[in-house]
Amino acid sequence: MEHKPLALITGGSRGIGRCLVRSFLAYTDVLNVSRTPAQDAGSAARREPHELHNLSVDLADVARIEPCLGAWFDAHPGHRVTTLIHNAAVSPLGWLHEVSPAEVDQAFRVNVYAPLTITTSLLRAGRFAADGARVVYVTSSLARPVPELSFACLGLYSMTKAALSRMALIQSREFELTAPNVTVVRAHPGIVDTDLQRDLRRHPRMDPAFGVKTAGLPPFQEGEWRDRSPKDHMRTITPEFSAEFIEWVARSSDATSDEYDFYHAEEFHAARHEVGHQENTTI
């Protein structure tokens, strides 16, 4: 039986996830897993009949994830996952001595336990494509164990993203030994210019150092990184630009367990500029 490729994306109803859903629908079926259904705004313009599917699951309810996924794949036995992108996450705010046990539990359920459950349930059920699949964990610079990225009020989010990143590294090694058809990678999506980013800077309990660190980052303007390195001229970026980078990571032929950082991915930016140059030349 020939299987249909499928991209499974969590949190595909808004932000980066919504952009990822639209991008992947250009060449494959997509399953969005989130509480809110994703909308297929571009289906009329596409030539190929790729389908958007929605599986409505509260990722905090970890016990329901595996049976819900199993039921969906039982109803769609021809699909195999070629790309799995763990994009969904909650961003709880609060100083660590003030957050409640319930808030800690929910943050780890959505940001760590749910991704682990989805990946392992797909592996156990044989839902990954036998000829190659890619698992992408969307990470955060706030997970890095360095003082200059350790901010009060963002501690719980940082803890969960650090756990996720470490989990991905271990899983990458385990899959090398037991499931070499599945490659695990990590992608730092950049600092995305959203209402959430602006709200974080204005939060009354936010660490003042966070505002100092981020307030000076202007929005990216097309062409700014054409002749200079992004890592030395950091900018906030749009969700579309971030999704473009994550898609590049997901589809790249070579993959390592090293974290792919948007600002340090020179190959990505060089390839993007080359495509833009070719398009301008053609016009």
C-alpha atoms as a PDB file:
ATOM      1  CA  MET A   1       0.000   0.000   0.000  1.00  0.00           C
ATOM      2  CA  GLU A   2       1.374   3.395  -0.979  1.00  0.00           C
ATOM      3  CA  HIS A   3       1.148   5.836   1.881  1.00  0.00           C
ATOM      4  CA  LYS A   4       0.271   9.528   1.698  1.00  0.00           C
ATOM      5  CA  PRO A   5       2.789  11.899   3.307  1.00  0.00           C
ATOM      6  CA  LEU A   6       1.531  14.004   6.196  1.00  0.00           C
ATOM      7  CA  ALA A   7       2.901  16.994   8.108  1.00  0.00           C
ATOM      8  CA  LEU A   8       1.679  17.074  11.706  1.00  0.00           C
ATOM      9  CA  ILE A   9       1.889  20.533  13.274  1.00  0.00           C
ATOM     10  CA  THR A  10       0.836  21.463  16.791  1.00  0.00           C
ATOM     11  CA  GLY A  11      -0.635  24.881  17.499  1.00  0.00           C
ATOM     12  CA  GLY A  12      -1.458  25.528  13.848  1.00  0.00           C
ATOM     13  CA  SER A  13      -4.397  27.858  14.382  1.00  0.00           C
ATOM     14  CA  ARG A  14      -2.411  31.054  14.938  1.00  0.00           C
ATOM     15  CA  GLY A  15       0.978  32.739  14.856  1.00  0.00           C
ATOM     16  CA  ILE A  16       3.930  30.761  13.544  1.00  0.00           C
ATOM     17  CA  GLY A  17       1.849  27.590  13.489  1.00  0.00           C
ATOM     18  CA  ARG A  18      -0.747  29.080  11.157  1.00  0.00           C
ATOM     19  CA  CYS A  19       2.023  30.154   8.761  1.00  0.00           C
ATOM     20  CA  LEU A  20       3.532  26.674   8.894  1.00  0.00           C
ATOM     21  CA  VAL A  21       0.188  25.077   8.056  1.00  0.00           C
ATOM     22  CA  ARG A  22      -0.208  27.309   5.004  1.00  0.00           C
ATOM     23  CA  SER A  23       3.351  26.613   3.822  1.00  0.00           C
ATOM     24  CA  PHE A  24       3.188  22.844   4.159  1.00  0.00           C
ATOM     25  CA  LEU A  25      -0.209  22.629   2.474  1.00  0.00           C
ATOM     26  CA  ALA A  26       1.527  23.676  -0.733  1.00  0.00           C
ATOM     27  CA  TYR A  27       2.946  20.172  -1.105  1.00  0.00           C
ATOM     28  CA  THR A  28       1.483  17.774   1.471  1.00  0.00           C
ATOM     29  CA  ASP A  29      -1.537  16.989   3.608  1.00  0.00           C
ATOM     30  CA  VAL A  30      -1.432  18.620   7.049  1.00  0.00           C
ATOM     31  CA  LEU A  31      -2.835  17.584  10.410  1.00  0.00           C
ATOM     32  CA  ASN A  32      -3.154  20.432  12.909  1.00  0.00           C
ATOM     33  CA  VAL A  33      -3.318  19.326  16.537  1.00  0.00           C
ATOM     34  CA  SER A  34      -4.613  22.058  18.825  1.00  0.00           C
ATOM     35  CA  ARG A  35      -7.694  23.128  20.733  1.00  0.00           C
ATOM     36  CA  THR A  36      -8.703  25.518  17.942  1.00  0.00           C
ATOM     37  CA  PRO A  37      -9.059  24.350  14.312  1.00  0.00           C
ATOM     38  CA  ALA A  38      -6.743  25.848  11.712  1.00  0.00           C
ATOM     39  CA  GLN A  39      -8.282  27.518   8.682  1.00  0.00           C
ATOM     40  CA  ASP A  40      -7.235  26.686   5.119  1.00  0.00           C
ATOM     41  CA  ALA A  41      -7.236  30.153   3.578  1.00  0.00           C
ATOM     42  CA  GLY A  42      -5.300  29.210   0.478  1.00  0.00           C
ATOM     43  CA  SER A  43      -6.971  26.038  -0.784  1.00  0.00           C
ATOM     44  CA  ALA A  44      -8.680  27.721  -3.732  1.00  0.00           C
ATOM     45  CA  ALA A  45      -5.350  28.964  -5.067  1.00  0.00           C
ATOM     46  CA  ARG A  46      -3.565  25.616  -4.845  1.00  0.00           C
ATOM     47  CA  ARG A  47      -3.405  23.335  -7.842  1.00  0.00           C
ATOM     48  CA  GLU A  48      -2.773  20.176  -5.890  1.00  0.00           C
ATOM     49  CA  PRO A  49      -5.530  18.696  -3.733  1.00  0.00           C
ATOM     50  CA  HIS A  50      -3.709  18.688  -0.417  1.00  0.00           C
ATOM     51  CA  GLU A  51      -6.007  18.488   2.579  1.00  0.00           C
ATOM     52  CA  LEU A  52      -6.002  20.212   5.936  1.00  0.00           C
ATOM     53  CA  HIS A  53      -7.168  18.048   8.824  1.00  0.00           C
ATOM     54  CA  ASN A  54      -7.823  19.213  12.364  1.00  0.00           C
ATOM     55  CA  LEU A  55      -7.624  17.182  15.556  1.00  0.00           C
ATOM     56  CA  SER A  56      -9.038  19.198  18.441  1.00  0.00           C
ATOM     57  CA  VAL A  57      -7.161  18.235  21.592  1.00  0.00           C
ATOM     58  CA  ASP A  58      -6.272  20.176  24.707  1.00  0.00           C
ATOM     59  CA  LEU A  59      -2.544  19.456  24.914  1.00  0.00           C
ATOM     60  CA  ALA A  60      -2.671  19.924  28.680  1.00  0.00           C
ATOM     61  CA  ASP A  61      -4.849  16.797  28.820  1.00  0.00           C
ATOM     62  CA  VAL A  62      -1.934  14.500  28.074  1.00  0.00           C
ATOM     63  CA  ALA A  63      -3.851  11.291  28.782  1.00  0.00           C
ATOM     64  CA  ARG A  64      -6.158  11.962  25.821  1.00  0.00           C
ATOM     65  CA  ILE A  65      -3.434  12.602  23.259  1.00  0.00           C
ATOM     66  CA  GLU A  66      -2.447   9.045  22.376  1.00  0.00           C
ATOM     67  CA  PRO A  67      -5.999   7.640  22.071  1.00  0.00           C
ATOM     68  CA  CYS A  68      -7.103  10.669  20.015  1.00  0.00           C
ATOM     69  CA  LEU A  69      -4.139  10.331  17.667  1.00  0.00           C
ATOM     70  CA  GLY A  70      -4.720   6.620  17.391  1.00  0.00           C
ATOM     71  CA  ALA A  71      -8.367   7.124  16.479  1.00  0.00           C
ATOM     72  CA  TRP A  72      -7.477   9.694  13.821  1.00  0.00           C
ATOM     73  CA  PHE A  73      -4.893   7.443  12.173  1.00  0.00           C
ATOM     74  CA  ASP A  74      -7.262   4.478  12.344  1.00  0.00           C
ATOM     75  CA  ALA A  75      -9.682   6.625  10.327  1.00  0.00           C
ATOM     76  CA  HIS A  76      -6.876   7.672   7.942  1.00  0.00           C
ATOM     77  CA  PRO A  77      -4.766   4.511   7.581  1.00  0.00           C
ATOM     78  CA  GLY A  78      -3.095   5.673   4.373  1.00  0.00           C
ATOM     79  CA  HIS A  79      -1.186   8.539   5.972  1.00  0.00           C
ATOM     80  CA  ARG A  80       2.345   8.429   7.336  1.00  0.00           C
ATOM     81  CA  VAL A  81       4.062  11.346   9.089  1.00  0.00           C
ATOM     82  CA  THR A  82       7.023  12.736   7.181  1.00  0.00           C
ATOM     83  CA  THR A  83       7.269  15.945   9.232  1.00  0.00           C
ATOM     84  CA  LEU A  84       6.298  16.532  12.862  1.00  0.00           C
ATOM     85  CA  ILE A  85       6.671  20.085  14.175  1.00  0.00           C
ATOM     86  CA  HIS A  86       6.163  20.733  17.872  1.00  0.00           C
ATOM     87  CA  ASN A  87       5.217  24.396  17.753  1.00  0.00           C
ATOM     88  CA  ALA A  88       2.501  24.746  20.418  1.00  0.00           C
ATOM     89  CA  ALA A  89       3.529  26.144  23.788  1.00  0.00           C
ATOM     90  CA  VAL A  90       2.179  28.198  26.655  1.00  0.00           C
ATOM     91  CA  SER A  91       4.108  31.149  28.072  1.00  0.00           C
ATOM     92  CA  PRO A  92       3.257  31.345  31.788  1.00  0.00           C
ATOM     93  CA  LEU A  93       4.476  34.469  33.561  1.00  0.00           C
ATOM     94  CA  GLY A  94       5.353  34.828  37.216  1.00  0.00           C
ATOM     95  CA  TRP A  95       8.245  34.785  39.635  1.00  0.00           C
ATOM     96  CA  LEU A  96       9.118  31.240  40.652  1.00  0.00           C
ATOM     97  CA  HIS A  97       8.260  31.739  44.321  1.00  0.00           C
ATOM     98  CA  GLU A  98       4.781  32.934  43.278  1.00  0.00           C
ATOM     99  CA  VAL A  99       3.648  30.394  40.664  1.00  0.00           C
ATOM    100  CA  SER A 100       1.273  27.714  41.884  1.00  0.00           C
ATOM    101  CA  PRO A 101       1.793  23.947  41.563  1.00  0.00           C
ATOM    102  CA  ALA A 102      -1.132  23.894  39.112  1.00  0.00           C
ATOM    103  CA  GLU A 103       0.591  26.460  36.873  1.00  0.00           C
ATOM    104  CA  VAL A 104       3.823  24.476  36.939  1.00  0.00           C
ATOM    105  CA  ASP A 105       1.955  21.299  36.093  1.00  0.00           C
ATOM    106  CA  GLN A 106       0.089  22.841  33.158  1.00  0.00           C
ATOM    107  CA  ALA A 107       3.239  24.433  31.702  1.00  0.00           C
ATOM    108  CA  PHE A 108       5.128  21.144  31.737  1.00  0.00           C
ATOM    109  CA  ARG A 109       2.118  19.261  30.372  1.00  0.00           C
ATOM    110  CA  VAL A 110       1.766  21.494  27.305  1.00  0.00           C
ATOM    111  CA  ASN A 111       5.411  22.349  26.667  1.00  0.00           C
ATOM    112  CA  VAL A 112       7.123  19.043  27.509  1.00  0.00           C
ATOM    113  CA  TYR A 113       4.835  16.081  28.202  1.00  0.00           C
ATOM    114  CA  ALA A 114       2.563  16.649  25.194  1.00  0.00           C
ATOM    115  CA  PRO A 115       5.426  16.762  22.640  1.00  0.00           C
ATOM    116  CA  LEU A 116       6.985  13.661  24.200  1.00  0.00           C
ATOM    117  CA  THR A 117       3.653  11.830  24.127  1.00  0.00           C
ATOM    118  CA  ILE A 118       2.910  12.729  20.498  1.00  0.00           C
ATOM    119  CA  THR A 119       6.334  11.675  19.242  1.00  0.00           C
ATOM    120  CA  THR A 120       6.509   8.425  21.163  1.00  0.00           C
ATOM    121  CA  SER A 121       2.930   7.420  20.360  1.00  0.00           C
ATOM    122  CA  LEU A 122       3.567   7.927  16.636  1.00  0.00           C
ATOM    123  CA  LEU A 123       6.745   5.875  16.893  1.00  0.00           C
ATOM    124  CA  ARG A 124       5.126   3.007  18.807  1.00  0.00           C
ATOM    125  CA  ALA A 125       2.203   2.871  16.377  1.00  0.00           C
ATOM    126  CA  GLY A 126       4.460   2.894  13.310  1.00  0.00           C
ATOM    127  CA  ARG A 127       3.018   6.158  11.979  1.00  0.00           C
ATOM    128  CA  PHE A 128       6.307   7.690  10.824  1.00  0.00           C
ATOM    129  CA  ALA A 129       7.247   7.280   7.163  1.00  0.00           C
ATOM    130  CA  ALA A 130       9.578   4.314   6.774  1.00  0.00           C
ATOM    131  CA  ASP A 131      11.659   6.081   4.116  1.00  0.00           C
ATOM    132  CA  GLY A 132      12.434   9.067   6.349  1.00  0.00           C
ATOM    133  CA  ALA A 133      10.762  11.445   8.780  1.00  0.00           C
ATOM    134  CA  ARG A 134      11.807  14.633  10.551  1.00  0.00           C
ATOM    135  CA  VAL A 135      10.768  15.725  14.064  1.00  0.00           C
ATOM    136  CA  VAL A 136      11.305  19.433  14.767  1.00  0.00           C
ATOM    137  CA  TYR A 137      11.173  20.795  18.299  1.00  0.00           C
ATOM    138  CA  VAL A 138      10.751  24.574  18.405  1.00  0.00           C
ATOM    139  CA  THR A 139      13.061  25.778  21.158  1.00  0.00           C
ATOM    140  CA  SER A 140      13.846  29.133  22.765  1.00  0.00           C
ATOM    141  CA  SER A 141      16.958  31.120  23.579  1.00  0.00           C
ATOM    142  CA  LEU A 142      15.482  31.454  27.078  1.00  0.00           C
ATOM    143  CA  ALA A 143      16.272  27.763  27.601  1.00  0.00           C
ATOM    144  CA  ARG A 144      20.018  28.356  27.388  1.00  0.00           C
ATOM    145  CA  PRO A 145      21.902  28.131  30.717  1.00  0.00           C
ATOM    146  CA  VAL A 146      23.520  31.556  30.577  1.00  0.00           C
ATOM    147  CA  PRO A 147      22.983  34.445  33.029  1.00  0.00           C
ATOM    148  CA  GLU A 148      22.251  37.058  30.334  1.00  0.00           C
ATOM    149  CA  LEU A 149      19.215  35.050  29.170  1.00  0.00           C
ATOM    150  CA  SER A 150      17.892  34.242  32.661  1.00  0.00           C
ATOM    151  CA  PHE A 151      15.024  36.620  33.433  1.00  0.00           C
ATOM    152  CA  ALA A 152      12.725  36.900  36.432  1.00  0.00           C
ATOM    153  CA  CYS A 153       9.055  36.339  35.544  1.00  0.00           C
ATOM    154  CA  LEU A 154       9.990  34.073  32.619  1.00  0.00           C
ATOM    155  CA  GLY A 155      11.453  31.303  34.754  1.00  0.00           C
ATOM    156  CA  LEU A 156       8.735  28.692  34.306  1.00  0.00           C
ATOM    157  CA  TYR A 157       8.684  29.086  30.527  1.00  0.00           C
ATOM    158  CA  SER A 158      12.495  28.890  30.451  1.00  0.00           C
ATOM    159  CA  MET A 159      12.455  25.732  32.559  1.00  0.00           C
ATOM    160  CA  THR A 160      10.025  23.944  30.261  1.00  0.00           C
ATOM    161  CA  LYS A 161      11.905  24.928  27.108  1.00  0.00           C
ATOM    162  CA  ALA A 162      15.184  23.775  28.674  1.00  0.00           C
ATOM    163  CA  ALA A 163      13.575  20.427  29.481  1.00  0.00           C
ATOM    164  CA  LEU A 164      12.214  20.177  25.928  1.00  0.00           C
ATOM    165  CA  SER A 165      15.610  20.895  24.380  1.00  0.00           C
ATOM    166  CA  ARG A 166      17.354  18.336  26.564  1.00  0.00           C
ATOM    167  CA  MET A 167      14.651  15.778  25.844  1.00  0.00           C
ATOM    168  CA  ALA A 168      15.105  16.291  22.098  1.00  0.00           C
ATOM    169  CA  LEU A 169      18.838  15.663  22.381  1.00  0.00           C
ATOM    170  CA  ILE A 170      18.319  12.392  24.232  1.00  0.00           C
ATOM    171  CA  GLN A 171      15.573  11.349  21.850  1.00  0.00           C
ATOM    172  CA  SER A 172      17.805  12.092  18.882  1.00  0.00           C
ATOM    173  CA  ARG A 173      20.377   9.637  20.212  1.00  0.00           C
ATOM    174  CA  GLU A 174      17.751   7.018  21.038  1.00  0.00           C
ATOM    175  CA  PHE A 175      16.311   7.216  17.526  1.00  0.00           C
ATOM    176  CA  GLU A 176      19.790   6.835  16.036  1.00  0.00           C
ATOM    177  CA  LEU A 177      19.952   3.480  17.805  1.00  0.00           C
ATOM    178  CA  THR A 178      16.367   2.248  17.398  1.00  0.00           C
ATOM    179  CA  ALA A 179      14.593   4.190  14.634  1.00  0.00           C
ATOM    180  CA  PRO A 180      17.155   5.636  12.193  1.00  0.00           C
ATOM    181  CA  ASN A 181      14.390   6.589   9.750  1.00  0.00           C
ATOM    182  CA  VAL A 182      13.331   9.352  12.180  1.00  0.00           C
ATOM    183  CA  THR A 183      15.607  12.378  12.611  1.00  0.00           C
ATOM    184  CA  VAL A 184      15.165  14.756  15.541  1.00  0.00           C
ATOM    185  CA  VAL A 185      16.230  18.407  15.244  1.00  0.00           C
ATOM    186  CA  ARG A 186      15.827  21.584  17.295  1.00  0.00           C
ATOM    187  CA  ALA A 187      15.036  25.020  15.870  1.00  0.00           C
ATOM    188  CA  HIS A 188      15.220  28.383  17.589  1.00  0.00           C
ATOM    189  CA  PRO A 189      12.617  30.432  15.648  1.00  0.00           C
ATOM    190  CA  GLY A 190      14.038  33.909  16.260  1.00  0.00           C
ATOM    191  CA  ILE A 191      12.471  36.769  18.212  1.00  0.00           C
ATOM    192  CA  VAL A 192       9.071  37.100  16.602  1.00  0.00           C
ATOM    193  CA  ASP A 193       7.410  40.512  16.452  1.00  0.00           C
ATOM    194  CA  THR A 194       3.986  39.749  17.913  1.00  0.00           C
ATOM    195  CA  ASP A 195       1.555  41.287  20.380  1.00  0.00           C
ATOM    196  CA  LEU A 196       2.817  38.765  22.947  1.00  0.00           C
ATOM    197  CA  GLN A 197       6.388  40.049  22.626  1.00  0.00           C
ATOM    198  CA  ARG A 198       5.220  43.621  23.166  1.00  0.00           C
ATOM    199  CA  ASP A 199       2.988  42.596  26.089  1.00  0.00           C
ATOM    200  CA  LEU A 200       5.924  40.853  27.746  1.00  0.00           C
ATOM    201  CA  ARG A 201       7.962  44.046  27.682  1.00  0.00           C
ATOM    202  CA  ARG A 202       5.099  46.003  29.273  1.00  0.00           C
ATOM    203  CA  HIS A 203       4.254  43.436  31.941  1.00  0.00           C
ATOM    204  CA  PRO A 204       4.432  45.148  35.362  1.00  0.00           C
ATOM    205  CA  ARG A 205       6.309  42.259  36.969  1.00  0.00           C
ATOM    206  CA  MET A 206       8.710  41.607  34.099  1.00  0.00           C
ATOM    207  CA  ASP A 207      12.437  41.673  34.817  1.00  0.00           C
ATOM    208  CA  PRO A 208      13.706  45.139  33.739  1.00  0.00           C
ATOM    209  CA  ALA A 209      16.686  43.413  32.119  1.00  0.00           C
ATOM    210  CA  PHE A 210      14.320  41.734  29.642  1.00  0.00           C
ATOM    211  CA  GLY A 211      13.083  45.090  28.414  1.00  0.00           C
ATOM    212  CA  VAL A 212      16.640  46.361  28.067  1.00  0.00           C
ATOM    213  CA  LYS A 213      17.635  43.216  26.157  1.00  0.00           C
ATOM    214  CA  THR A 214      14.727  43.350  23.682  1.00  0.00           C
ATOM    215  CA  ALA A 215      13.539  46.949  23.409  1.00  0.00           C
ATOM    216  CA  GLY A 216      16.315  47.952  21.053  1.00  0.00           C
ATOM    217  CA  LEU A 217      15.535  45.301  18.463  1.00  0.00           C
ATOM    218  CA  PRO A 218      13.889  46.977  15.446  1.00  0.00           C
ATOM    219  CA  PRO A 219      11.663  45.086  13.018  1.00  0.00           C
ATOM    220  CA  PHE A 220      13.446  43.384  10.148  1.00  0.00           C
ATOM    221  CA  GLN A 221      13.380  45.138   6.786  1.00  0.00           C
ATOM    222  CA  GLU A 222      13.842  43.058   3.660  1.00  0.00           C
ATOM    223  CA  GLY A 223      17.414  43.292   2.400  1.00  0.00           C
ATOM    224  CA  GLU A 224      19.040  44.287   5.709  1.00  0.00           C
ATOM    225  CA  TRP A 225      21.011  41.057   6.008  1.00  0.00           C
ATOM    226  CA  ARG A 226      22.072  40.828   2.406  1.00  0.00           C
ATOM    227  CA  ASP A 227      25.674  41.886   3.070  1.00  0.00           C
ATOM    228  CA  ARG A 228      26.041  41.380   6.808  1.00  0.00           C
ATOM    229  CA  SER A 229      25.535  38.650   9.374  1.00  0.00           C
ATOM    230  CA  PRO A 230      22.134  38.342  11.131  1.00  0.00           C
ATOM    231  CA  LYS A 231      23.819  37.330  14.374  1.00  0.00           C
ATOM    232  CA  ASP A 232      25.574  40.698  14.554  1.00  0.00           C
ATOM    233  CA  HIS A 233      22.523  42.746  13.510  1.00  0.00           C
ATOM    234  CA  MET A 234      19.618  41.106  15.311  1.00  0.00           C
ATOM    235  CA  ARG A 235      16.051  42.136  14.478  1.00  0.00           C
ATOM    236  CA  THR A 236      12.587  41.009  15.434  1.00  0.00           C
ATOM    237  CA  ILE A 237      10.954  39.071  12.619  1.00  0.00           C
ATOM    238  CA  THR A 238       7.451  38.291  11.399  1.00  0.00           C
ATOM    239  CA  PRO A 239       5.712  34.950  12.082  1.00  0.00           C
ATOM    240  CA  GLU A 240       5.896  34.290   8.331  1.00  0.00           C
ATOM    241  CA  PHE A 241       9.680  34.727   8.296  1.00  0.00           C
ATOM    242  CA  SER A 242      10.060  32.498  11.345  1.00  0.00           C
ATOM    243  CA  ALA A 243       7.868  29.810   9.765  1.00  0.00           C
ATOM    244  CA  GLU A 244       9.963  30.005   6.596  1.00  0.00           C
ATOM    245  CA  PHE A 245      13.058  29.235   8.647  1.00  0.00           C
ATOM    246  CA  ILE A 246      11.435  26.327  10.529  1.00  0.00           C
ATOM    247  CA  GLU A 247      10.247  24.879   7.231  1.00  0.00           C
ATOM    248  CA  TRP A 248      13.812  25.135   5.907  1.00  0.00           C
ATOM    249  CA  VAL A 249      15.056  23.195   8.948  1.00  0.00           C
ATOM    250  CA  ALA A 250      12.342  20.579   8.507  1.00  0.00           C
ATOM    251  CA  ARG A 251      13.143  20.050   4.827  1.00  0.00           C
ATOM    252  CA  SER A 252      16.936  20.363   4.866  1.00  0.00           C
ATOM    253  CA  SER A 253      18.724  17.290   3.564  1.00  0.00           C
ATOM    254  CA  ASP A 254      21.353  17.305   6.312  1.00  0.00           C
ATOM    255  CA  ALA A 255      20.396  17.386   9.956  1.00  0.00           C
ATOM    256  CA  THR A 256      22.330  17.278  13.214  1.00  0.00           C
ATOM    257  CA  SER A 257      21.416  17.385  16.875  1.00  0.00           C
ATOM    258  CA  ASP A 258      22.857  20.911  17.097  1.00  0.00           C
ATOM    259  CA  GLU A 259      20.252  23.617  17.579  1.00  0.00           C
ATOM    260  CA  TYR A 260      19.446  25.533  14.396  1.00  0.00           C
ATOM    261  CA  ASP A 261      19.375  29.186  15.428  1.00  0.00           C
ATOM    262  CA  PHE A 262      17.549  31.624  13.138  1.00  0.00           C
ATOM    263  CA  TYR A 263      20.197  34.323  13.611  1.00  0.00           C
ATOM    264  CA  HIS A 264      23.158  31.993  13.093  1.00  0.00           C
ATOM    265  CA  ALA A 265      21.782  30.022  10.142  1.00  0.00           C
ATOM    266  CA  GLU A 266      24.034  31.623   7.531  1.00  0.00           C
ATOM    267  CA  GLU A 267      23.194  28.947   4.957  1.00  0.00           C
ATOM    268  CA  PHE A 268      19.468  29.682   5.254  1.00  0.00           C
ATOM    269  CA  HIS A 269      19.899  33.430   4.832  1.00  0.00           C
ATOM    270  CA  ALA A 270      22.357  33.015   1.964  1.00  0.00           C
ATOM    271  CA  ALA A 271      19.974  30.700   0.106  1.00  0.00           C
ATOM    272  CA  ARG A 272      17.075  33.061   0.706  1.00  0.00           C
ATOM    273  CA  HIS A 273      19.019  36.024  -0.657  1.00  0.00           C
ATOM    274  CA  GLU A 274      20.072  34.010  -3.683  1.00  0.00           C
ATOM    275  CA  VAL A 275      16.435  33.172  -4.464  1.00  0.00           C
ATOM    276  CA  GLY A 276      15.485  36.828  -4.068  1.00  0.00           C
ATOM    277  CA  HIS A 277      18.313  37.896  -6.349  1.00  0.00           C
ATOM    278  CA  GLN A 278      17.245  35.410  -9.004  1.00  0.00           C
ATOM    279  CA  GLU A 279      13.630  36.578  -8.819  1.00  0.00           C
ATOM    280  CA  ASN A 280      14.676  40.225  -9.153  1.00  0.00           C
ATOM    281  CA  THR A 281      16.898  39.366 -12.095  1.00  0.00           C
ATOM    282  CA  THR A 282      14.047  37.517 -13.815  1.00  0.00           C
ATOM    283  CA  ILE A 283      11.685  40.431 -13.319  1.00  0.00           C
END
